[in-house]
Each structure stands twice: as C-alpha cells, then as structure tokens.
Amino acid sequence: HTDSTWARGPAFLYKSEQEWPEKEMPPANTMEELRIHL
C-alpha cells in the first residue's frame, strides 16, 4: 500500500545519518571460498 515500508523505504532513512545503522566493517581476506592451492 502507499504508506508501506516497501513504497516509502525503511524508517531509518528519514532520520539523520548519525542515527543510521552502523557496525565496524569485517576484516578483509576471509577464508570463505579461498583458492585452496594458495
């Protein structure tokens, strides 16, 4: 419907950037899907 989250976007976008979800970025070079022979 017109006022749904799908049509208007998530609620946090209407807030200031300081209130957006934030988390420390994961470390690089994860072992997932790593080329085994390396």
All heavy atoms as atom14 arrays in JSON, in Angstrom:
{
  "sequence": "HTDSTWARGPAFLYKSEQEWPEKEMPPANTMEELRIHL",
  "atom14_mask": [
    [1, 1, 1, 1, 1, 1, 1, 1, 1, 1, 0, 0, 0, 0],
    [1, 1, 1, 1, 1, 1, 1, 0, 0, 0, 0, 0, 0, 0],
    [1, 1, 1, 1, 1, 1, 1, 1, 0, 0, 0, 0, 0, 0],
    [1, 1, 1, 1, 1, 1, 0, 0, 0, 0, 0, 0, 0, 0],
    [1, 1, 1, 1, 1, 1, 1, 0, 0, 0, 0, 0, 0, 0],
    [1, 1, 1, 1, 1, 1, 1, 1, 1, 1, 1, 1, 1, 1],
    [1, 1, 1, 1, 1, 0, 0, 0, 0, 0, 0, 0, 0, 0],
    [1, 1, 1, 1, 1, 1, 1, 1, 1, 1, 1, 0, 0, 0],
    [1, 1, 1, 1, 0, 0, 0, 0, 0, 0, 0, 0, 0, 0],
    [1, 1, 1, 1, 1, 1, 1, 0, 0, 0, 0, 0, 0, 0],
    [1, 1, 1, 1, 1, 0, 0, 0, 0, 0, 0, 0, 0, 0],
    [1, 1, 1, 1, 1, 1, 1, 1, 1, 1, 1, 0, 0, 0],
    [1, 1, 1, 1, 1, 1, 1, 1, 0, 0, 0, 0, 0, 0],
    [1, 1, 1, 1, 1, 1, 1, 1, 1, 1, 1, 1, 0, 0],
    [1, 1, 1, 1, 1, 1, 1, 1, 1, 0, 0, 0, 0, 0],
    [1, 1, 1, 1, 1, 1, 0, 0, 0, 0, 0, 0, 0, 0],
    [1, 1, 1, 1, 1, 1, 1, 1, 1, 0, 0, 0, 0, 0],
    [1, 1, 1, 1, 1, 1, 1, 1, 1, 0, 0, 0, 0, 0],
    [1, 1, 1, 1, 1, 1, 1, 1, 1, 0, 0, 0, 0, 0],
    [1, 1, 1, 1, 1, 1, 1, 1, 1, 1, 1, 1, 1, 1],
    [1, 1, 1, 1, 1, 1, 1, 0, 0, 0, 0, 0, 0, 0],
    [1, 1, 1, 1, 1, 1, 1, 1, 1, 0, 0, 0, 0, 0],
    [1, 1, 1, 1, 1, 1, 1, 1, 1, 0, 0, 0, 0, 0],
    [1, 1, 1, 1, 1, 1, 1, 1, 1, 0, 0, 0, 0, 0],
    [1, 1, 1, 1, 1, 1, 1, 1, 0, 0, 0, 0, 0, 0],
    [1, 1, 1, 1, 1, 1, 1, 0, 0, 0, 0, 0, 0, 0],
    [1, 1, 1, 1, 1, 1, 1, 0, 0, 0, 0, 0, 0, 0],
    [1, 1, 1, 1, 1, 0, 0, 0, 0, 0, 0, 0, 0, 0],
    [1, 1, 1, 1, 1, 1, 1, 1, 0, 0, 0, 0, 0, 0],
    [1, 1, 1, 1, 1, 1, 1, 0, 0, 0, 0, 0, 0, 0],
    [1, 1, 1, 1, 1, 1, 1, 1, 0, 0, 0, 0, 0, 0],
    [1, 1, 1, 1, 1, 1, 1, 1, 1, 0, 0, 0, 0, 0],
    [1, 1, 1, 1, 1, 1, 1, 1, 1, 0, 0, 0, 0, 0],
    [1, 1, 1, 1, 1, 1, 1, 1, 0, 0, 0, 0, 0, 0],
    [1, 1, 1, 1, 1, 1, 1, 1, 1, 1, 1, 0, 0, 0],
    [1, 1, 1, 1, 1, 1, 1, 1, 0, 0, 0, 0, 0, 0],
    [1, 1, 1, 1, 1, 1, 1, 1, 1, 1, 0, 0, 0, 0],
    [1, 1, 1, 1, 1, 1, 1, 1, 0, 0, 0, 0, 0, 0]
  ],
  "atom14_positions": [
    [[0.85, -1.18, 0.0], [0.0, 0.0, 0.0], [0.89, 1.24, 0.0], [2.12, 1.15, 0.16], [-0.95, 0.0, 1.2], [-0.28, -0.17, 2.53], [0.32, 0.86, 3.21], [-0.11, -1.27, 3.3], [0.82, 0.42, 4.34], [0.58, -0.88, 4.43], [0.0, 0.0, 0.0], [0.0, 0.0, 0.0], [0.0, 0.0, 0.0], [0.0, 0.0, 0.0]],
    [[0.32, 2.38, -0.14], [1.08, 3.61, -0.38], [2.0, 3.96, 0.78], [3.1, 4.49, 0.57], [0.11, 4.77, -0.65], [-0.78, 4.4, -1.7], [0.88, 6.02, -1.08], [0.0, 0.0, 0.0], [0.0, 0.0, 0.0], [0.0, 0.0, 0.0], [0.0, 0.0, 0.0], [0.0, 0.0, 0.0], [0.0, 0.0, 0.0], [0.0, 0.0, 0.0]],
    [[1.61, 3.68, 2.01], [2.4, 4.05, 3.19], [3.23, 2.9, 3.73], [3.71, 2.97, 4.87], [1.46, 4.58, 4.29], [0.75, 5.86, 3.88], [1.36, 6.64, 3.12], [-0.4, 6.06, 4.28], [0.0, 0.0, 0.0], [0.0, 0.0, 0.0], [0.0, 0.0, 0.0], [0.0, 0.0, 0.0], [0.0, 0.0, 0.0], [0.0, 0.0, 0.0]],
    [[3.4, 1.84, 2.98], [4.15, 0.68, 3.46], [5.65, 0.94, 3.4], [6.12, 1.87, 2.72], [3.81, -0.55, 2.62], [4.21, -0.36, 1.28], [0.0, 0.0, 0.0], [0.0, 0.0, 0.0], [0.0, 0.0, 0.0], [0.0, 0.0, 0.0], [0.0, 0.0, 0.0], [0.0, 0.0, 0.0], [0.0, 0.0, 0.0], [0.0, 0.0, 0.0]],
    [[6.39, 0.11, 4.1], [7.85, 0.22, 4.06], [8.39, -0.01, 2.67], [9.38, 0.62, 2.26], [8.47, -0.79, 5.03], [7.93, -0.59, 6.34], [9.98, -0.66, 5.08], [0.0, 0.0, 0.0], [0.0, 0.0, 0.0], [0.0, 0.0, 0.0], [0.0, 0.0, 0.0], [0.0, 0.0, 0.0], [0.0, 0.0, 0.0], [0.0, 0.0, 0.0]],
    [[7.74, -0.89, 1.9], [8.19, -1.16, 0.54], [8.07, 0.09, -0.33], [8.96, 0.39, -1.14], [7.38, -2.3, -0.06], [7.65, -2.53, -1.51], [6.87, -2.21, -2.56], [8.83, -3.12, -2.08], [7.44, -2.56, -3.74], [8.66, -3.13, -3.47], [9.99, -3.64, -1.53], [9.61, -3.63, -4.33], [10.95, -4.15, -2.39], [10.76, -4.14, -3.77]],
    [[7.01, 0.86, -0.17], [6.79, 2.03, -1.02], [7.57, 3.25, -0.54], [8.03, 4.06, -1.36], [5.31, 2.35, -1.09], [0.0, 0.0, 0.0], [0.0, 0.0, 0.0], [0.0, 0.0, 0.0], [0.0, 0.0, 0.0], [0.0, 0.0, 0.0], [0.0, 0.0, 0.0], [0.0, 0.0, 0.0], [0.0, 0.0, 0.0], [0.0, 0.0, 0.0]],
    [[7.73, 3.42, 0.75], [8.33, 4.63, 1.3], [9.78, 4.44, 1.75], [10.47, 5.41, 2.05], [7.5, 5.14, 2.48], [6.12, 5.63, 2.09], [5.3, 5.99, 3.32], [6.0, 6.94, 4.17], [6.0, 8.26, 4.0], [5.32, 8.77, 2.98], [6.65, 9.05, 4.83], [0.0, 0.0, 0.0], [0.0, 0.0, 0.0], [0.0, 0.0, 0.0]],
    [[10.24, 3.18, 1.84], [11.59, 2.93, 2.3], [11.64, 2.7, 3.8], [10.69, 3.02, 4.52], [0.0, 0.0, 0.0], [0.0, 0.0, 0.0], [0.0, 0.0, 0.0], [0.0, 0.0, 0.0], [0.0, 0.0, 0.0], [0.0, 0.0, 0.0], [0.0, 0.0, 0.0], [0.0, 0.0, 0.0], [0.0, 0.0, 0.0], [0.0, 0.0, 0.0]],
    [[12.75, 2.15, 4.3], [12.87, 1.89, 5.74], [12.83, 3.2, 6.55], [13.22, 4.26, 6.07], [14.21, 1.18, 5.87], [14.96, 1.52, 4.63], [13.96, 1.74, 3.56], [0.0, 0.0, 0.0], [0.0, 0.0, 0.0], [0.0, 0.0, 0.0], [0.0, 0.0, 0.0], [0.0, 0.0, 0.0], [0.0, 0.0, 0.0], [0.0, 0.0, 0.0]],
    [[12.41, 3.08, 7.79], [12.2, 4.26, 8.63], [13.49, 5.0, 8.95], [13.49, 6.23, 9.1], [11.51, 3.85, 9.93], [0.0, 0.0, 0.0], [0.0, 0.0, 0.0], [0.0, 0.0, 0.0], [0.0, 0.0, 0.0], [0.0, 0.0, 0.0], [0.0, 0.0, 0.0], [0.0, 0.0, 0.0], [0.0, 0.0, 0.0], [0.0, 0.0, 0.0]],
    [[14.62, 4.29, 9.03], [15.85, 4.98, 9.44], [16.36, 5.95, 8.39], [17.17, 6.84, 8.69], [16.94, 3.97, 9.82], [17.49, 3.18, 8.67], [18.49, 3.67, 7.87], [17.01, 1.9, 8.39], [19.01, 2.94, 6.82], [17.52, 1.15, 7.35], [18.53, 1.68, 6.56], [0.0, 0.0, 0.0], [0.0, 0.0, 0.0], [0.0, 0.0, 0.0]],
    [[15.91, 5.82, 7.12], [16.33, 6.76, 6.09], [15.78, 8.16, 6.33], [16.31, 9.15, 5.81], [15.9, 6.27, 4.71], [16.66, 5.06, 4.13], [16.16, 4.74, 2.73], [18.16, 5.31, 4.1], [0.0, 0.0, 0.0], [0.0, 0.0, 0.0], [0.0, 0.0, 0.0], [0.0, 0.0, 0.0], [0.0, 0.0, 0.0], [0.0, 0.0, 0.0]],
    [[14.7, 8.26, 7.1], [14.1, 9.57, 7.37], [14.8, 10.27, 8.53], [14.47, 11.41, 8.85], [12.62, 9.4, 7.69], [11.79, 8.95, 6.49], [11.66, 7.6, 6.18], [11.18, 9.88, 5.65], [10.93, 7.18, 5.09], [10.43, 9.47, 4.55], [10.33, 8.11, 4.27], [9.6, 7.72, 3.18], [0.0, 0.0, 0.0], [0.0, 0.0, 0.0]],
    [[15.74, 9.58, 9.17], [16.48, 10.17, 10.29], [17.81, 10.73, 9.8], [18.2, 10.54, 8.65], [16.71, 9.12, 11.38], [15.41, 8.51, 11.92], [15.72, 7.43, 12.95], [14.44, 6.78, 13.46], [14.71, 5.71, 14.46], [0.0, 0.0, 0.0], [0.0, 0.0, 0.0], [0.0, 0.0, 0.0], [0.0, 0.0, 0.0], [0.0, 0.0, 0.0]],
    [[18.51, 11.39, 10.66], [19.83, 11.92, 10.31], [20.82, 10.77, 10.16], [20.62, 9.66, 10.67], [20.31, 12.89, 11.38], [20.44, 12.22, 12.63], [0.0, 0.0, 0.0], [0.0, 0.0, 0.0], [0.0, 0.0, 0.0], [0.0, 0.0, 0.0], [0.0, 0.0, 0.0], [0.0, 0.0, 0.0], [0.0, 0.0, 0.0], [0.0, 0.0, 0.0]],
    [[21.91, 11.04, 9.47], [22.87, 9.98, 9.18], [23.5, 9.42, 10.45], [23.91, 8.25, 10.49], [23.96, 10.52, 8.25], [24.95, 9.47, 7.79], [25.91, 9.98, 6.74], [25.71, 11.1, 6.24], [26.87, 9.24, 6.42], [0.0, 0.0, 0.0], [0.0, 0.0, 0.0], [0.0, 0.0, 0.0], [0.0, 0.0, 0.0], [0.0, 0.0, 0.0]],
    [[23.58, 10.21, 11.52], [24.16, 9.72, 12.77], [23.32, 8.61, 13.4], [23.82, 7.83, 14.21], [24.31, 10.87, 13.77], [25.4, 11.87, 13.43], [25.02, 12.78, 12.26], [23.82, 12.92, 11.96], [26.01, 13.4, 11.63], [0.0, 0.0, 0.0], [0.0, 0.0, 0.0], [0.0, 0.0, 0.0], [0.0, 0.0, 0.0], [0.0, 0.0, 0.0]],
    [[22.04, 8.52, 13.02], [21.14, 7.51, 13.59], [20.98, 6.29, 12.67], [20.18, 5.41, 12.97], [19.78, 8.13, 13.87], [19.81, 9.3, 14.85], [18.43, 9.86, 15.12], [17.54, 9.06, 15.52], [18.22, 11.06, 14.92], [0.0, 0.0, 0.0], [0.0, 0.0, 0.0], [0.0, 0.0, 0.0], [0.0, 0.0, 0.0], [0.0, 0.0, 0.0]],
    [[21.7, 6.25, 11.57], [21.62, 5.09, 10.67], [22.33, 3.91, 11.32], [23.24, 4.09, 12.15], [22.29, 5.4, 9.34], [21.52, 6.39, 8.5], [20.3, 6.94, 8.78], [21.95, 6.95, 7.26], [19.92, 7.81, 7.8], [20.92, 7.83, 6.83], [23.06, 6.82, 6.47], [20.99, 8.56, 5.65], [23.15, 7.53, 5.29], [22.13, 8.39, 4.88]],
    [[21.95, 2.69, 10.94], [22.64, 1.51, 11.48], [24.12, 1.55, 11.13], [24.51, 1.87, 10.0], [21.94, 0.33, 10.8], [20.63, 0.87, 10.37], [20.83, 2.32, 10.07], [0.0, 0.0, 0.0], [0.0, 0.0, 0.0], [0.0, 0.0, 0.0], [0.0, 0.0, 0.0], [0.0, 0.0, 0.0], [0.0, 0.0, 0.0], [0.0, 0.0, 0.0]],
    [[24.94, 1.22, 12.1], [26.37, 1.28, 11.89], [27.04, 0.13, 12.62], [26.66, -0.23, 13.73], [26.94, 2.61, 12.37], [28.39, 2.83, 11.99], [28.87, 4.23, 12.33], [28.08, 5.02, 12.88], [30.05, 4.53, 12.03], [0.0, 0.0, 0.0], [0.0, 0.0, 0.0], [0.0, 0.0, 0.0], [0.0, 0.0, 0.0], [0.0, 0.0, 0.0]],
    [[28.04, -0.46, 11.98], [28.78, -1.57, 12.56], [30.17, -1.56, 11.96], [30.36, -1.2, 10.79], [28.08, -2.9, 12.26], [28.77, -4.12, 12.82], [28.03, -5.4, 12.43], [28.74, -6.64, 12.93], [28.05, -7.88, 12.52], [0.0, 0.0, 0.0], [0.0, 0.0, 0.0], [0.0, 0.0, 0.0], [0.0, 0.0, 0.0], [0.0, 0.0, 0.0]],
    [[31.14, -1.94, 12.74], [32.52, -2.0, 12.25], [32.62, -3.0, 11.11], [32.11, -4.12, 11.2], [33.46, -2.39, 13.39], [34.92, -2.36, 12.99], [35.83, -2.73, 14.14], [35.31, -2.92, 15.27], [37.05, -2.84, 13.92], [0.0, 0.0, 0.0], [0.0, 0.0, 0.0], [0.0, 0.0, 0.0], [0.0, 0.0, 0.0], [0.0, 0.0, 0.0]],
    [[33.26, -2.59, 10.04], [33.38, -3.45, 8.87], [34.18, -4.7, 9.2], [35.16, -4.64, 9.95], [34.05, -2.69, 7.73], [33.26, -1.5, 7.23], [31.7, -1.98, 6.47], [32.26, -2.57, 4.91], [0.0, 0.0, 0.0], [0.0, 0.0, 0.0], [0.0, 0.0, 0.0], [0.0, 0.0, 0.0], [0.0, 0.0, 0.0], [0.0, 0.0, 0.0]],
    [[33.78, -5.87, 8.67], [34.51, -7.12, 8.96], [35.91, -7.07, 8.37], [36.17, -6.35, 7.4], [33.65, -8.19, 8.28], [32.91, -7.47, 7.21], [32.65, -6.09, 7.76], [0.0, 0.0, 0.0], [0.0, 0.0, 0.0], [0.0, 0.0, 0.0], [0.0, 0.0, 0.0], [0.0, 0.0, 0.0], [0.0, 0.0, 0.0], [0.0, 0.0, 0.0]],
    [[36.84, -7.82, 8.93], [38.22, -7.81, 8.41], [38.28, -8.38, 7.01], [37.46, -9.22, 6.61], [38.98, -8.69, 9.41], [37.93, -9.56, 10.03], [36.69, -8.73, 10.09], [0.0, 0.0, 0.0], [0.0, 0.0, 0.0], [0.0, 0.0, 0.0], [0.0, 0.0, 0.0], [0.0, 0.0, 0.0], [0.0, 0.0, 0.0], [0.0, 0.0, 0.0]],
    [[39.26, -7.93, 6.26], [39.44, -8.41, 4.89], [40.07, -9.8, 4.89], [40.46, -10.34, 5.92], [40.32, -7.42, 4.11], [0.0, 0.0, 0.0], [0.0, 0.0, 0.0], [0.0, 0.0, 0.0], [0.0, 0.0, 0.0], [0.0, 0.0, 0.0], [0.0, 0.0, 0.0], [0.0, 0.0, 0.0], [0.0, 0.0, 0.0], [0.0, 0.0, 0.0]],
    [[40.12, -10.39, 3.68], [40.78, -11.69, 3.45], [40.15, -12.81, 4.27], [40.82, -13.54, 5.0], [42.28, -11.6, 3.76], [42.98, -10.59, 2.88], [42.64, -10.43, 1.71], [43.95, -9.89, 3.44], [0.0, 0.0, 0.0], [0.0, 0.0, 0.0], [0.0, 0.0, 0.0], [0.0, 0.0, 0.0], [0.0, 0.0, 0.0], [0.0, 0.0, 0.0]],
    [[38.83, -12.92, 4.18], [38.15, -14.04, 4.83], [38.56, -15.35, 4.18], [38.95, -15.4, 3.01], [36.63, -13.86, 4.74], [35.98, -14.98, 5.33], [36.18, -13.74, 3.31], [0.0, 0.0, 0.0], [0.0, 0.0, 0.0], [0.0, 0.0, 0.0], [0.0, 0.0, 0.0], [0.0, 0.0, 0.0], [0.0, 0.0, 0.0], [0.0, 0.0, 0.0]],
    [[38.45, -16.44, 4.93], [38.84, -17.76, 4.43], [37.76, -18.4, 3.57], [38.0, -19.42, 2.95], [39.15, -18.68, 5.61], [40.26, -18.16, 6.53], [41.85, -18.09, 5.71], [42.2, -19.83, 5.54], [0.0, 0.0, 0.0], [0.0, 0.0, 0.0], [0.0, 0.0, 0.0], [0.0, 0.0, 0.0], [0.0, 0.0, 0.0], [0.0, 0.0, 0.0]],
    [[36.58, -17.8, 3.51], [35.47, -18.36, 2.73], [35.79, -18.3, 1.24], [36.18, -17.25, 0.72], [34.19, -17.58, 3.01], [32.94, -18.17, 2.39], [32.39, -19.35, 3.16], [32.68, -19.45, 4.36], [31.67, -20.17, 2.57], [0.0, 0.0, 0.0], [0.0, 0.0, 0.0], [0.0, 0.0, 0.0], [0.0, 0.0, 0.0], [0.0, 0.0, 0.0]],
    [[35.64, -19.43, 0.53], [35.86, -19.54, -0.91], [37.3, -19.22, -1.31], [37.56, -18.81, -2.44], [34.9, -18.6, -1.67], [33.44, -18.92, -1.5], [33.03, -20.17, -2.26], [33.78, -20.59, -3.14], [31.94, -20.71, -1.96], [0.0, 0.0, 0.0], [0.0, 0.0, 0.0], [0.0, 0.0, 0.0], [0.0, 0.0, 0.0], [0.0, 0.0, 0.0]],
    [[38.26, -19.41, -0.41], [39.65, -19.12, -0.72], [40.19, -20.18, -1.67], [39.83, -21.35, -1.58], [40.48, -19.1, 0.56], [41.85, -18.46, 0.49], [41.74, -16.97, 0.21], [42.6, -18.69, 1.79], [0.0, 0.0, 0.0], [0.0, 0.0, 0.0], [0.0, 0.0, 0.0], [0.0, 0.0, 0.0], [0.0, 0.0, 0.0], [0.0, 0.0, 0.0]],
    [[41.02, -19.76, -2.61], [41.67, -20.72, -3.52], [42.58, -21.61, -2.7], [43.55, -21.14, -2.08], [42.47, -19.99, -4.59], [41.62, -19.22, -5.58], [42.48, -18.32, -6.45], [43.36, -19.11, -7.28], [43.12, -19.44, -8.53], [41.99, -19.07, -9.1], [43.98, -20.14, -9.22], [0.0, 0.0, 0.0], [0.0, 0.0, 0.0], [0.0, 0.0, 0.0]],
    [[42.32, -22.9, -2.7], [42.99, -23.82, -1.78], [44.48, -23.91, -2.04], [45.28, -23.95, -1.11], [42.34, -25.21, -1.86], [40.88, -25.12, -1.45], [43.06, -26.21, -1.0], [40.13, -26.42, -1.57], [0.0, 0.0, 0.0], [0.0, 0.0, 0.0], [0.0, 0.0, 0.0], [0.0, 0.0, 0.0], [0.0, 0.0, 0.0], [0.0, 0.0, 0.0]],
    [[44.89, -23.89, -3.3], [46.3, -24.11, -3.57], [47.19, -22.98, -3.07], [48.4, -23.14, -2.99], [46.53, -24.35, -5.06], [46.31, -23.14, -5.91], [45.11, -22.83, -6.49], [47.16, -22.14, -6.24], [45.22, -21.71, -7.18], [46.45, -21.27, -7.04], [0.0, 0.0, 0.0], [0.0, 0.0, 0.0], [0.0, 0.0, 0.0], [0.0, 0.0, 0.0]],
    [[46.6, -21.83, -2.73], [47.4, -20.75, -2.19], [47.85, -21.01, -0.76], [48.71, -20.33, -0.24], [46.6, -19.44, -2.24], [46.3, -18.91, -3.65], [45.45, -17.67, -3.55], [47.57, -18.6, -4.4], [0.0, 0.0, 0.0], [0.0, 0.0, 0.0], [0.0, 0.0, 0.0], [0.0, 0.0, 0.0], [0.0, 0.0, 0.0], [0.0, 0.0, 0.0]]
  ]
}
